[in-house]
Amino acid sequence: MAKEDRKKREKENRKQTILKSALYSFAKHGYHKCSMDLIAEEAELGKATLYYYFKNKDELLLEVLKTGLELFFENMTKAWESLEDTREKIEAISITAGEFFAEHPDYFRLYLYLSTHPKLNKITSESLRPLVQNKNKVFIQLFKKAVKEKLVKPIPPQNLVNVLGTLIMGVGMFGHYKRKSDIKKRMKLINEIFFNGVLLDKKK
């Protein structure tokens, strides 16, 4: 039994090594210039081993993206555990996203790369849609609550999610930050703009 458990752990560790190496390689070279040979070299494994776990590069890319999404939403759930206030939960979205991209900059590079290739982005989005839609329900419900509480204007919740997500990705393009305090400053700015806008009230 112990031997079987050890083999299972070794197999899972090898899979995680492949995923980490694939993430780094995709982010560095881009999907189209990246090959299974490059990923195998980065992972220090034979190419045959990669094909044992993943049938092709497309499947590997989707698993990398799925892993990133799962990890982000796991972090988001943890961030919400001690929060009950609706606004605080919304503000935690950008803070958590900023920390996630700071700790995993290759995910940001990969998502940014995909966004510049509409065809590839469409293919991956369609493949991951069930997962994204399922996870996205949590954000939709949160913004529905915000509208009901009159915390935000009666804008369709999905539109609010899209706007906040775009702001987060836009700030991420400014660069990567070594200190968490720098990240929080950027993300607090997002929350300020999202909730209060940037125009001064000329009527006052």
Protein backbone atom coordinates (compact mmCIF):
# COMPACT_ATOMS: atom_id res chain seq x y z
CA MET A 1 0.00 0.00 0.00
CA ALA A 2 2.83 2.37 0.94
CA LYS A 3 4.55 1.57 -2.37
CA GLU A 4 1.39 2.41 -4.31
CA ASP A 5 0.99 5.69 -2.42
CA ARG A 6 4.60 6.60 -3.17
CA LYS A 7 4.13 5.89 -6.87
CA LYS A 8 0.97 7.96 -6.89
CA ARG A 9 2.79 10.90 -5.27
CA GLU A 10 5.69 10.60 -7.70
CA LYS A 11 3.28 10.57 -10.63
CA GLU A 12 1.47 13.67 -9.34
CA ASN A 13 4.77 15.46 -8.65
CA ARG A 14 5.93 14.72 -12.17
CA LYS A 15 2.69 16.07 -13.58
CA GLN A 16 3.06 19.28 -11.55
CA THR A 17 6.64 19.64 -12.79
CA ILE A 18 5.39 19.40 -16.37
CA LEU A 19 2.65 21.97 -15.75
CA LYS A 20 5.07 24.45 -14.14
CA SER A 21 7.56 24.01 -16.97
CA ALA A 22 4.82 24.39 -19.58
CA LEU A 23 3.54 27.57 -17.93
CA TYR A 24 7.03 29.08 -17.92
CA SER A 25 7.70 28.00 -21.52
CA PHE A 26 4.34 29.21 -22.88
CA ALA A 27 4.76 32.56 -21.11
CA LYS A 28 8.35 33.00 -22.31
CA HIS A 29 8.08 31.84 -25.93
CA GLY A 30 4.37 32.18 -26.64
CA TYR A 31 2.16 29.24 -27.56
CA HIS A 32 3.07 29.11 -31.25
CA LYS A 33 6.86 29.19 -30.77
CA CYS A 34 6.79 26.81 -27.84
CA SER A 35 7.24 23.10 -28.54
CA MET A 36 6.92 19.92 -26.51
CA ASP A 37 10.69 19.62 -26.89
CA LEU A 38 11.22 22.98 -25.16
CA ILE A 39 8.84 22.05 -22.37
CA ALA A 40 10.50 18.65 -21.90
CA GLU A 41 13.90 20.34 -21.73
CA GLU A 42 12.64 22.84 -19.14
CA ALA A 43 11.10 20.01 -17.10
CA GLU A 44 14.26 17.91 -17.47
CA LEU A 45 12.15 15.00 -18.64
CA GLY A 46 11.99 12.97 -21.81
CA LYS A 47 9.43 14.10 -24.39
CA ALA A 48 7.81 10.64 -24.18
CA THR A 49 7.03 11.36 -20.52
CA LEU A 50 5.12 14.51 -21.50
CA TYR A 51 3.04 12.53 -23.99
CA TYR A 52 2.28 9.97 -21.28
CA TYR A 53 0.51 12.71 -19.29
CA PHE A 54 -0.78 14.89 -22.13
CA LYS A 55 -1.66 13.78 -25.65
CA ASN A 56 -0.58 17.07 -27.28
CA LYS A 57 0.40 20.70 -26.72
CA ASP A 58 -3.22 21.90 -26.87
CA GLU A 59 -4.26 19.64 -24.02
CA LEU A 60 -1.26 20.76 -21.99
CA LEU A 61 -2.08 24.44 -22.53
CA LEU A 62 -5.68 23.93 -21.42
CA GLU A 63 -4.55 22.10 -18.29
CA VAL A 64 -2.13 24.94 -17.47
CA LEU A 65 -4.92 27.50 -17.82
CA LYS A 66 -7.34 25.37 -15.82
CA THR A 67 -4.79 25.01 -13.03
CA GLY A 68 -4.31 28.78 -12.92
CA LEU A 69 -8.05 29.44 -12.76
CA GLU A 70 -8.55 26.89 -9.99
CA LEU A 71 -5.68 28.38 -8.00
CA PHE A 72 -6.97 31.94 -8.38
CA PHE A 73 -10.50 31.04 -7.27
CA GLU A 74 -9.10 29.05 -4.38
CA ASN A 75 -7.21 32.17 -3.26
CA MET A 76 -10.36 34.24 -3.76
CA THR A 77 -12.41 31.92 -1.57
CA LYS A 78 -9.80 32.15 1.20
CA ALA A 79 -9.77 35.95 0.97
CA TRP A 80 -13.55 36.04 1.39
CA GLU A 81 -13.66 33.73 4.41
CA SER A 82 -13.34 36.53 6.95
CA LEU A 83 -15.43 39.08 5.00
CA GLU A 84 -19.17 39.67 5.15
CA ASP A 85 -19.50 43.23 3.80
CA THR A 86 -20.37 43.30 0.09
CA ARG A 87 -18.07 46.20 -0.77
CA GLU A 88 -15.15 44.62 1.07
CA LYS A 89 -15.66 41.41 -0.89
CA ILE A 90 -15.65 43.30 -4.19
CA GLU A 91 -12.51 45.20 -3.18
CA ALA A 92 -10.87 41.90 -2.28
CA ILE A 93 -11.22 40.73 -5.89
CA SER A 94 -8.63 43.19 -7.23
CA ILE A 95 -6.33 42.76 -4.22
CA THR A 96 -6.36 38.98 -4.61
CA ALA A 97 -5.84 39.23 -8.37
CA GLY A 98 -2.88 41.57 -7.90
CA GLU A 99 -1.26 39.27 -5.37
CA PHE A 100 -1.92 36.26 -7.61
CA PHE A 101 -0.21 37.80 -10.63
CA ALA A 102 2.69 39.03 -8.46
CA GLU A 103 3.24 35.52 -7.12
CA HIS A 104 2.62 33.88 -10.50
CA PRO A 105 3.75 36.42 -13.14
CA ASP A 106 3.91 33.76 -15.85
CA TYR A 107 0.14 33.34 -15.67
CA PHE A 108 -0.29 37.04 -16.36
CA ARG A 109 2.13 36.88 -19.31
CA LEU A 110 0.29 33.87 -20.71
CA TYR A 111 -3.18 35.39 -20.35
CA LEU A 112 -1.91 38.60 -21.94
CA TYR A 113 -0.36 36.62 -24.81
CA LEU A 114 -3.63 34.79 -25.42
CA SER A 115 -5.58 38.05 -25.45
CA THR A 116 -3.47 39.26 -28.40
CA HIS A 117 -4.28 36.14 -30.43
CA PRO A 118 -8.08 36.21 -30.91
CA LYS A 119 -8.29 32.81 -32.65
CA LEU A 120 -6.30 30.98 -29.99
CA ASN A 121 -8.07 32.91 -27.25
CA LYS A 122 -11.44 31.87 -28.69
CA ILE A 123 -10.43 28.20 -28.79
CA THR A 124 -9.18 28.16 -25.20
CA SER A 125 -12.13 30.21 -23.96
CA GLU A 126 -14.62 27.80 -25.51
CA SER A 127 -12.83 24.83 -23.96
CA LEU A 128 -12.72 26.41 -20.52
CA ARG A 129 -16.16 28.06 -20.69
CA PRO A 130 -17.95 25.53 -18.40
CA LEU A 131 -15.33 26.01 -15.68
CA VAL A 132 -15.24 29.80 -16.05
CA GLN A 133 -19.04 30.10 -16.10
CA ASN A 134 -19.33 27.97 -12.99
CA LYS A 135 -16.75 30.04 -11.12
CA ASN A 136 -18.11 33.29 -12.52
CA LYS A 137 -21.50 32.66 -10.89
CA VAL A 138 -19.98 33.65 -7.56
CA PHE A 139 -18.98 37.08 -8.89
CA ILE A 140 -22.35 37.54 -10.62
CA GLN A 141 -24.20 36.84 -7.37
CA LEU A 142 -21.92 39.24 -5.50
CA PHE A 143 -22.65 42.08 -7.93
CA LYS A 144 -26.35 41.30 -7.92
CA LYS A 145 -26.21 41.76 -4.17
CA ALA A 146 -24.30 45.03 -4.62
CA VAL A 147 -27.00 46.33 -6.97
CA LYS A 148 -29.75 45.23 -4.59
CA GLU A 149 -28.02 47.01 -1.70
CA LYS A 150 -27.74 50.10 -3.94
CA LEU A 151 -23.99 50.01 -3.49
CA VAL A 152 -23.53 50.35 -7.26
CA LYS A 153 -25.69 51.58 -10.15
CA PRO A 154 -28.21 49.11 -11.62
CA ILE A 155 -25.83 47.90 -14.31
CA PRO A 156 -26.03 44.25 -15.46
CA PRO A 157 -23.78 42.26 -13.08
CA GLN A 158 -21.86 40.58 -15.90
CA ASN A 159 -20.94 44.01 -17.28
CA LEU A 160 -19.67 45.04 -13.84
CA VAL A 161 -17.56 41.88 -13.63
CA ASN A 162 -16.13 42.57 -17.10
CA VAL A 163 -15.26 46.18 -16.27
CA LEU A 164 -13.53 45.28 -13.03
CA GLY A 165 -11.64 42.46 -14.74
CA THR A 166 -10.47 44.81 -17.49
CA LEU A 167 -9.24 47.33 -14.93
CA ILE A 168 -7.29 44.63 -13.12
CA MET A 169 -5.64 43.34 -16.30
CA GLY A 170 -4.88 46.89 -17.42
CA VAL A 171 -3.06 47.75 -14.20
CA GLY A 172 -1.18 44.48 -14.44
CA MET A 173 0.29 45.66 -17.73
CA PHE A 174 2.13 48.46 -15.93
CA GLY A 175 4.68 45.92 -14.76
CA HIS A 176 5.40 43.49 -11.97
CA TYR A 177 5.90 44.63 -8.41
CA LYS A 178 8.37 43.19 -5.95
CA ARG A 179 6.58 44.38 -2.83
CA LYS A 180 3.04 43.47 -1.86
CA SER A 181 2.55 47.03 -0.61
CA ASP A 182 3.08 48.32 -4.17
CA ILE A 183 0.53 45.86 -5.50
CA LYS A 184 -2.03 46.85 -2.90
CA LYS A 185 -1.58 50.53 -3.77
CA ARG A 186 -2.32 49.78 -7.43
CA MET A 187 -5.31 47.63 -6.58
CA LYS A 188 -6.68 50.19 -4.11
CA LEU A 189 -6.53 52.68 -6.98
CA ILE A 190 -8.63 50.29 -9.06
CA ASN A 191 -11.22 50.07 -6.30
CA GLU A 192 -11.27 53.85 -5.93
CA ILE A 193 -11.84 54.34 -9.65
CA PHE A 194 -14.36 51.50 -9.86
CA PHE A 195 -16.53 52.79 -7.04
CA ASN A 196 -16.00 56.56 -7.30
CA GLY A 197 -14.76 57.31 -10.83
CA VAL A 198 -12.10 59.90 -11.62
CA LEU A 199 -14.08 63.07 -12.37
CA LEU A 200 -14.46 65.70 -9.70
CA ASP A 201 -18.01 66.79 -8.95
CA LYS A 202 -18.12 70.24 -10.58
CA LYS A 203 -21.47 71.00 -8.96
CA LYS A 204 -19.94 71.29 -5.51
